[in-house]
Protein backbone atom coordinates (compact mmCIF):
# COMPACT_ATOMS: atom_id res chain seq x y z
CA MET A 1 49.25 235.43 85.27
CA PRO A 2 47.75 233.15 88.27
CA VAL A 3 44.09 232.26 88.63
CA SER A 4 42.21 234.51 91.46
CA ALA A 5 42.93 233.12 95.08
CA SER A 6 40.15 231.15 96.62
CA PRO A 7 39.07 231.79 99.98
CA LEU A 8 40.01 229.92 102.88
CA PRO A 9 37.86 226.83 103.82
CA THR A 10 36.16 226.45 107.14
CA PRO A 11 38.28 224.87 109.76
CA PHE A 12 37.45 221.77 111.03
CA PRO A 13 34.94 221.40 113.57
CA THR A 14 36.13 220.94 117.05
CA ARG A 15 34.28 217.88 117.64
CA ILE A 16 35.47 215.14 115.74
CA GLY A 17 33.90 211.96 114.39
CA VAL A 18 33.89 208.57 116.17
CA SER A 19 36.16 206.99 114.11
CA TRP A 20 38.85 209.42 114.59
CA SER A 21 38.61 208.82 118.52
CA ALA A 22 38.36 205.28 118.34
CA PRO A 23 41.53 203.39 119.80
CA ALA A 24 42.58 202.49 116.48
CA PHE A 25 42.04 205.44 114.42
CA ASP A 26 43.21 205.39 110.69
CA VAL A 27 43.32 208.34 108.85
CA ALA A 28 44.49 208.71 105.31
CA GLU A 29 46.62 211.29 103.82
CA THR A 30 44.86 213.49 101.29
CA ALA A 31 46.78 213.54 97.94
CA PRO A 32 48.78 216.87 97.49
CA PRO A 33 47.19 219.01 95.03
CA GLN A 34 48.87 219.28 91.42
CA MET A 35 50.31 222.42 91.14
CA VAL A 36 50.68 224.55 88.24
CA GLN A 37 51.59 228.11 89.15
CA ALA A 38 54.19 229.53 91.82
CA ILE A 39 55.09 232.95 92.76
CA GLY A 40 56.97 234.25 95.76
CA ALA A 41 55.56 232.41 98.71
CA ARG A 42 52.10 231.42 96.73
CA LEU A 43 51.23 228.20 94.80
CA TRP A 44 47.88 227.73 92.71
CA SER A 45 46.58 224.32 91.99
CA ALA A 46 44.83 223.04 88.74
CA ASP A 47 41.72 223.80 90.47
CA GLY A 48 42.20 227.37 91.19
CA ALA A 49 42.88 227.15 94.55
CA GLU A 50 45.80 229.16 96.31
CA TYR A 51 48.38 228.13 98.78
CA ILE A 52 51.09 229.04 101.02
CA ASP A 53 54.16 227.03 100.50
CA PHE A 54 56.00 225.89 103.39
CA ASP A 55 57.69 223.02 101.77
CA ASN A 56 59.50 225.04 98.77
CA ALA A 57 60.68 222.32 97.13
CA GLY A 58 61.94 220.30 99.79
CA GLY A 59 64.06 223.50 100.80
CA ALA A 60 65.70 224.06 97.69
CA VAL A 61 63.78 227.37 97.04
CA LEU A 62 65.25 229.77 99.21
CA LEU A 63 64.26 233.33 98.15
CA GLY A 64 60.76 232.54 96.96
CA HIS A 65 59.19 231.21 93.76
CA ARG A 66 60.36 233.36 90.63
CA ASP A 67 62.43 235.91 92.33
CA PRO A 68 62.47 238.77 90.11
CA ALA A 69 66.45 238.99 90.39
CA VAL A 70 66.73 235.39 89.65
CA ILE A 71 64.27 235.47 86.73
CA ALA A 72 66.40 238.54 85.28
CA ALA A 73 69.66 236.67 85.53
CA VAL A 74 68.37 233.64 83.64
CA ARG A 75 66.86 235.72 81.09
CA LEU A 76 70.15 237.55 80.53
CA ALA A 77 72.14 234.30 80.60
CA ARG A 78 70.35 232.82 77.96
CA SER A 79 70.46 235.66 75.71
CA ALA A 80 72.67 235.77 72.80
CA ASP A 81 75.34 237.97 74.13
CA GLU A 82 75.47 235.59 76.85
CA ARG A 83 75.24 231.97 75.78
CA ARG A 84 79.11 231.29 75.83
CA GLY A 85 79.61 232.94 79.22
CA ALA A 86 79.44 229.59 81.55
CA ALA A 87 83.11 230.11 82.32
CA ARG A 88 82.72 233.62 83.61
CA TYR A 89 80.03 232.60 85.91
CA GLN A 90 81.90 229.70 87.58
CA ALA A 91 84.59 231.99 87.99
CA ASP A 92 82.57 234.60 89.67
CA LEU A 93 80.53 231.83 91.56
CA ALA A 94 83.50 230.32 92.73
CA GLU A 95 85.24 233.57 93.97
CA ARG A 96 82.18 234.39 96.01
CA ILE A 97 81.97 231.03 97.54
CA GLN A 98 85.07 231.10 98.64
CA HIS A 99 84.63 234.44 100.19
CA MET A 100 81.62 233.13 102.29
CA ALA A 101 82.39 229.42 103.25
CA PRO A 102 85.47 228.11 105.10
CA GLY A 103 87.91 225.92 103.63
CA ALA A 104 86.73 226.17 99.91
CA GLU A 105 90.34 226.23 98.26
CA ALA A 106 88.66 225.35 94.94
CA CYS A 107 85.07 225.17 93.75
CA ALA A 108 83.41 222.97 90.81
CA PHE A 109 79.63 222.79 89.30
CA GLY A 110 77.68 219.87 87.95
CA ALA A 111 74.41 219.22 86.91
CA ASP A 112 72.82 218.34 89.90
CA VAL A 113 73.61 217.04 93.23
CA ALA A 114 73.92 213.45 92.52
CA GLN A 115 76.90 214.29 89.86
CA VAL A 116 78.78 216.27 92.28
CA MET A 117 78.22 213.70 95.10
CA ARG A 118 79.41 211.00 92.76
CA ALA A 119 82.44 212.96 91.90
CA ALA A 120 83.31 213.93 95.64
CA LEU A 121 83.28 209.86 96.46
CA THR A 122 85.35 209.08 93.35
CA ALA A 123 87.97 211.82 94.18
CA ALA A 124 88.26 210.15 98.19
CA ARG A 125 88.41 206.89 96.70
CA LEU A 126 91.20 207.79 94.46
CA ALA A 127 92.90 209.91 97.00
CA THR A 128 92.93 207.04 99.53
CA GLY A 129 92.90 204.23 97.54
CA ARG A 130 90.02 203.02 99.59
CA GLU A 131 86.43 201.52 98.51
CA LEU A 132 84.14 201.82 102.01
CA VAL A 133 82.13 204.72 102.57
CA PHE A 134 79.71 205.38 105.57
CA VAL A 135 76.78 207.45 105.57
CA CYS A 136 74.46 209.63 107.89
CA GLY A 137 71.48 211.62 106.71
CA SER A 138 72.41 211.95 103.14
CA ALA A 139 70.98 209.79 100.44
CA VAL A 140 73.71 208.21 99.10
CA ARG A 141 73.59 204.32 99.04
CA ALA A 142 76.13 203.26 101.70
CA PRO A 143 76.26 201.67 105.14
CA PRO A 144 74.64 204.10 107.59
CA PHE A 145 76.18 205.52 111.09
CA PRO A 146 74.03 207.43 113.46
CA PHE A 147 73.82 211.02 113.88
CA ASP A 148 75.45 212.55 117.05
CA ASP A 149 76.63 209.11 118.57
CA LEU A 150 80.46 209.34 118.89
CA PRO A 151 81.04 206.10 120.73
CA HIS A 152 79.40 204.22 117.62
CA LEU A 153 81.34 206.16 115.10
CA ARG A 154 84.71 205.41 117.25
CA HIS A 155 83.98 201.80 117.38
CA LEU A 156 83.10 201.74 113.54
CA LEU A 157 86.24 203.45 112.49
CA ASP A 158 88.34 201.30 115.22
CA MET A 159 87.06 198.41 112.80
CA HIS A 160 86.98 199.66 109.48
CA GLY A 161 88.85 202.82 109.38
CA THR A 162 91.98 201.61 107.36
CA GLU A 163 89.43 200.36 104.63
CA THR A 164 87.24 203.78 104.58
CA ALA A 165 87.51 206.23 101.91
CA ALA A 166 85.03 208.51 103.22
CA LEU A 167 82.34 209.69 105.88
CA VAL A 168 79.55 211.46 104.10
CA LEU A 169 77.50 213.60 106.93
CA ALA A 170 74.62 215.64 106.97
CA PRO A 171 75.75 217.94 109.68
CA CYS A 172 72.14 219.44 110.00
CA SER A 173 70.27 216.82 111.42
CA ALA A 174 66.91 217.10 113.39
CA ARG A 175 68.32 218.16 116.26
CA PRO A 176 71.33 220.29 116.62
CA PRO A 177 74.63 218.35 117.12
CA SER A 178 76.02 218.09 120.49
CA ALA A 179 79.00 220.23 121.46
CA GLY A 180 81.94 218.66 120.58
CA TYR A 181 80.82 215.94 118.04
CA LEU A 182 81.68 217.63 114.71
CA PRO A 183 85.25 218.70 115.89
CA ALA A 184 85.80 215.01 117.52
CA VAL A 185 84.32 213.41 113.42
CA ARG A 186 86.99 215.86 111.93
CA ALA A 187 89.63 214.48 114.55
CA LEU A 188 88.83 210.84 113.78
CA CYS A 189 88.77 211.28 110.01
CA ASP A 190 92.35 212.74 110.27
CA ARG A 191 93.28 209.75 112.63
CA TYR A 192 92.40 207.28 110.00
CA GLY A 193 93.02 209.05 107.00
CA VAL A 194 89.36 209.12 105.82
CA VAL A 195 87.89 211.91 103.46
CA LEU A 196 85.47 213.99 105.50
CA ILE A 197 82.27 214.93 103.11
CA PHE A 198 79.70 217.26 104.29
CA ASP A 199 76.08 216.78 102.46
CA GLU A 200 74.84 220.62 102.72
CA ALA A 201 72.35 219.91 99.76
CA LEU A 202 69.73 221.53 102.28
CA SER A 203 71.72 223.27 104.63
CA GLY A 204 74.23 225.20 102.40
CA PHE A 205 73.09 228.95 102.46
CA ARG A 206 70.46 228.22 104.39
CA VAL A 207 71.40 227.96 107.73
CA HIS A 208 74.19 230.37 107.36
CA GLU A 209 75.98 232.31 104.48
CA GLY A 210 78.95 230.07 104.89
CA GLY A 211 76.76 226.91 105.38
CA ALA A 212 76.95 224.53 108.43
CA GLN A 213 80.71 224.37 108.16
CA ALA A 214 80.85 228.24 109.06
CA LEU A 215 77.84 227.84 111.81
CA TYR A 216 79.42 225.00 113.70
CA GLY A 217 83.05 225.91 112.95
CA VAL A 218 84.44 222.54 111.32
CA GLU A 219 85.80 222.28 108.20
CA ALA A 220 85.39 219.04 105.89
CA ASP A 221 87.46 218.13 103.11
CA LEU A 222 84.58 218.35 100.50
CA VAL A 223 81.13 219.74 100.80
CA VAL A 224 78.27 219.20 98.37
CA PHE A 225 75.73 222.10 97.92
CA GLY A 226 72.49 221.66 95.77
CA GLU A 227 69.52 223.31 94.28
CA ASN A 228 69.32 225.82 97.07
CA LEU A 229 72.23 227.78 95.60
CA ALA A 230 70.29 228.42 92.61
CA ASN A 231 66.86 229.06 94.30
CA GLY A 232 65.44 225.56 93.03
CA LEU A 233 67.18 225.32 89.62
CA PRO A 234 69.24 221.97 88.91
CA LEU A 235 72.62 222.76 90.06
CA GLY A 236 75.46 220.91 92.39
CA ALA A 237 78.31 222.64 93.79
CA LEU A 238 81.26 220.88 95.18
CA ILE A 239 83.78 222.84 97.35
CA GLY A 240 86.82 221.71 99.70
CA ARG A 241 90.69 221.05 99.14
CA ARG A 242 91.75 221.64 95.86
CA ASP A 243 93.60 218.31 95.00
CA LEU A 244 90.03 216.46 95.77
CA VAL A 245 88.15 218.89 93.47
CA GLU A 246 90.61 218.99 90.64
CA THR A 247 90.44 215.11 90.84
CA ALA A 248 86.67 215.13 90.94
CA GLN A 249 86.70 217.65 87.92
CA ALA A 250 88.82 215.36 85.96
CA GLU A 251 87.36 211.80 86.53
CA GLU A 252 83.53 213.02 86.20
CA HIS A 253 83.56 215.86 83.70
CA LEU A 254 81.41 218.16 85.80
CA GLY A 255 79.59 220.78 83.73
CA ALA A 256 76.36 222.88 84.59
CA ASP A 257 73.81 224.62 82.64
CA ILE A 258 74.60 228.51 82.32
CA ALA A 259 71.12 229.50 83.58
CA SER A 260 71.63 227.79 86.92
CA LEU A 261 74.95 229.30 87.17
CA ALA A 262 73.22 232.61 86.66
CA ALA A 263 70.53 231.97 88.91
CA ALA A 264 73.25 230.99 91.62
CA LYS A 265 75.01 234.16 91.24
CA ALA A 266 71.77 236.43 91.72
CA VAL A 267 71.07 233.89 94.83
CA LEU A 268 74.29 234.97 96.14
CA VAL A 269 74.32 238.69 95.44
CA LYS A 270 71.21 238.76 97.35
CA ILE A 271 72.26 236.77 100.57
CA GLU A 272 75.31 239.17 100.38
CA ASN A 273 73.20 242.67 100.27
CA GLU A 274 70.04 241.74 101.78
CA PRO A 275 69.35 239.67 105.40
CA VAL A 276 68.30 236.87 103.86
CA ILE A 277 69.48 233.97 106.12
CA SER A 278 68.59 236.37 109.50
CA GLN A 279 65.14 236.37 108.20
CA LEU A 280 64.85 232.77 107.63
CA ARG A 281 66.44 232.06 111.08
CA ILE A 282 64.26 234.67 112.70
CA GLY A 283 61.27 233.26 111.00
CA GLY A 284 61.77 229.63 111.57
CA ALA A 285 62.78 230.44 115.31
CA GLU A 286 59.10 232.04 115.91
CA VAL A 287 57.70 229.08 114.21
CA GLN A 288 59.31 226.71 116.01
CA ALA A 289 58.37 228.33 119.60
CA GLU A 290 54.99 229.05 118.93
CA VAL A 291 54.28 225.59 117.23
CA SER A 292 55.57 224.12 120.27
CA GLU A 293 53.54 225.99 122.52
CA ARG A 294 50.47 225.15 120.78
CA ILE A 295 51.71 221.23 121.00
CA ARG A 296 52.17 221.77 124.69
CA ALA A 297 48.86 223.48 124.92
CA ALA A 298 47.11 220.08 123.54
CA GLY A 299 48.88 218.24 125.73
CA LEU A 300 51.12 216.37 122.87
CA GLU A 301 54.56 217.52 123.78
CA ARG A 302 55.38 213.81 124.54
CA ALA A 303 54.39 212.82 121.09
CA VAL A 304 54.73 215.53 118.72
CA ARG A 305 58.00 217.82 118.10
CA ILE A 306 58.95 220.44 115.64
CA GLU A 307 62.57 220.01 115.35
CA GLY A 308 65.80 220.80 113.32
CA ASP A 309 67.32 224.05 112.40
CA PRO A 310 64.99 227.40 112.66
CA ALA A 311 65.46 227.68 108.64
CA ALA A 312 64.42 224.12 107.92
CA LEU A 313 62.30 222.63 110.34
CA ARG A 314 60.73 219.13 110.38
CA MET A 315 57.51 217.75 112.18
CA ALA A 316 58.32 214.42 114.33
CA PHE A 317 55.86 211.99 115.75
CA ASP A 318 56.30 209.53 118.32
CA PRO A 319 53.33 207.26 118.95
CA ALA A 320 55.20 205.11 121.40
CA ALA A 321 55.44 208.09 123.48
CA LEU A 322 51.52 207.64 123.83
CA GLY A 323 51.39 204.02 124.29
CA LEU A 324 50.31 203.70 120.43
CA GLY A 325 51.56 201.12 118.06
CA PRO A 326 54.22 202.34 115.39
CA SER A 327 51.66 202.02 112.65
CA HIS A 328 49.84 205.12 114.51
CA GLY A 329 52.78 207.33 113.40
CA ALA A 330 51.63 207.46 109.70
CA SER A 331 48.09 208.43 110.85
CA MET A 332 49.26 211.11 113.19
CA ARG A 333 51.47 212.66 110.31
CA SER A 334 48.46 212.44 107.77
CA LEU A 335 45.86 214.21 110.13
CA TRP A 336 48.45 217.03 110.74
CA THR A 337 49.42 217.31 107.07
CA ASN A 338 45.38 217.25 106.03
CA GLU A 339 44.99 220.10 108.61
CA CYS A 340 47.38 222.16 106.83
CA LEU A 341 46.24 221.34 103.33
CA ALA A 342 42.82 222.52 104.91
CA HIS A 343 44.30 225.55 105.76
CA ARG A 344 45.62 226.15 101.96
CA LEU A 345 49.05 225.42 103.41
CA PHE A 346 51.33 223.10 101.27
CA THR A 347 53.70 221.21 103.30
CA LEU A 348 54.97 217.22 103.34
CA GLY A 349 55.74 217.39 106.84
CA ALA A 350 58.45 220.16 106.85
CA VAL A 351 58.65 223.68 107.32
CA ASN A 352 61.44 225.32 105.13
CA MET A 353 61.04 228.99 105.34
CA SER A 354 61.99 231.13 102.67
CA TYR A 355 62.62 234.82 102.05
CA ALA A 356 59.41 235.40 100.66
CA HIS A 357 57.55 234.41 103.85
CA GLY A 358 56.17 237.06 106.01
CA ASP A 359 54.09 237.60 109.25
CA ARG A 360 50.63 236.74 107.01
CA GLU A 361 52.35 233.47 105.78
CA ILE A 362 53.56 232.59 109.87
CA GLY A 363 50.02 233.57 110.90
CA VAL A 364 48.18 231.10 108.77
CA LEU A 365 50.67 228.47 109.79
CA LEU A 366 50.45 228.89 113.44
CA THR A 367 46.42 229.14 113.14
CA ALA A 368 46.63 225.56 111.30
CA CYS A 369 49.22 224.12 113.40
CA GLU A 370 46.92 225.05 116.34
CA GLN A 371 44.03 223.20 115.18
CA ALA A 372 46.07 220.23 113.79
CA ALA A 373 47.19 219.65 117.27
CA GLU A 374 43.45 219.89 118.75
CA ARG A 375 42.37 217.66 116.58
CA LEU A 376 45.52 214.96 117.15
CA ALA A 377 44.93 215.04 120.70
CA LEU A 378 41.33 214.33 120.16
CA ALA A 379 41.91 211.67 117.78
CA VAL A 380 44.43 209.73 120.21
CA CYS A 381 42.57 210.65 123.86
CA GLY A 382 40.33 207.43 123.23
CA ALA A 383 43.15 205.30 123.21
CA VAL A 384 45.33 206.62 125.83
CA PRO A 385 45.21 209.49 128.33
CA LEU A 386 46.89 212.58 127.39
CA ALA A 387 48.64 215.28 129.79
CA ASP A 388 46.24 217.77 130.88
CA GLY A 389 45.48 219.88 128.15
CA PRO A 390 42.20 221.53 126.21
CA ALA A 391 41.45 218.66 124.25
CA ALA A 392 42.01 216.19 126.86
CA ARG A 393 39.60 218.41 129.41
CA ARG A 394 37.01 218.66 126.65
CA ALA A 395 37.11 215.01 125.95
CA ALA A 396 36.90 214.06 129.77
CA GLY A 397 33.98 216.57 130.04
């Protein structure tokens, strides 16, 4: 059982120190606490403090920590009667995913995202007889291309299309793709015989029951899903064209742990039977609107944004919009993160919603963001005059 919860600390005072209001303010980011226990939307640190988790293992925890259905499924899978049932779990999972995700002619499961992405790239290279890969928004090490910049991509493929095996694209970026962008990417890949791979390690089963493919109505040749399919347990899934998936399986010898497969089945069953995705998106949309309003009230809308899909939001800081140097971006982010930690919120710059978040958790987040916006406005107003807002008016007075 977790230790008893600690009370919320007293928020920072509205008046800040001279060092933070100086033109070259410098804020060191507080080291994240060491967490030793997690249940639902809560974390407990080694010193006994309770935190609300809005990081959720980088978005991998979809239902909340230690979801009862997931725990029960994992325990059953690890029992003596189920140890040889991995094939049954894989068949069941494949059937469920094919029902939910477009273009899932075949499915394969691996130990983690890195393994299935490697298998996807191997299959693409073997199918095309080419080696070159370009990437956008994914951790794959390859030459990058910018998101939502169709002229750039068209020029890139005009130059290298006949040498390119695959484009790896994370379709849910910091902002939604422009209308027509993803269909145009699909058409370019078809024109040049390039394998289109969607990296949905974050967006899969988070932004829509069928992932970004279903959300935007565009099918990739291959799609990679990650740990959020198994509520944070290590797992990778590869879906798409049957010929490519079968090649990937043959070349990489994919295999997944039975406990992760069981967890994934429990997650999909809950998504099918409960309003998991709608709750993530409704709660995230509320957070996005309310935090944006607090940023605007502080006069920071030029430099601070909360962006991305409602189920997986990110804080973005632009010091140049305030006439500050690039080095101030880290200070702005650190101040914001420190304020969240002071309110017992655990976040590393993201707001990854989970099914365990409710009104209380969202309320604490909004209070922390309001005070973070106030403090940030006060910290920079000594360097650059801000738009008229509460912090700017107090500083002027």
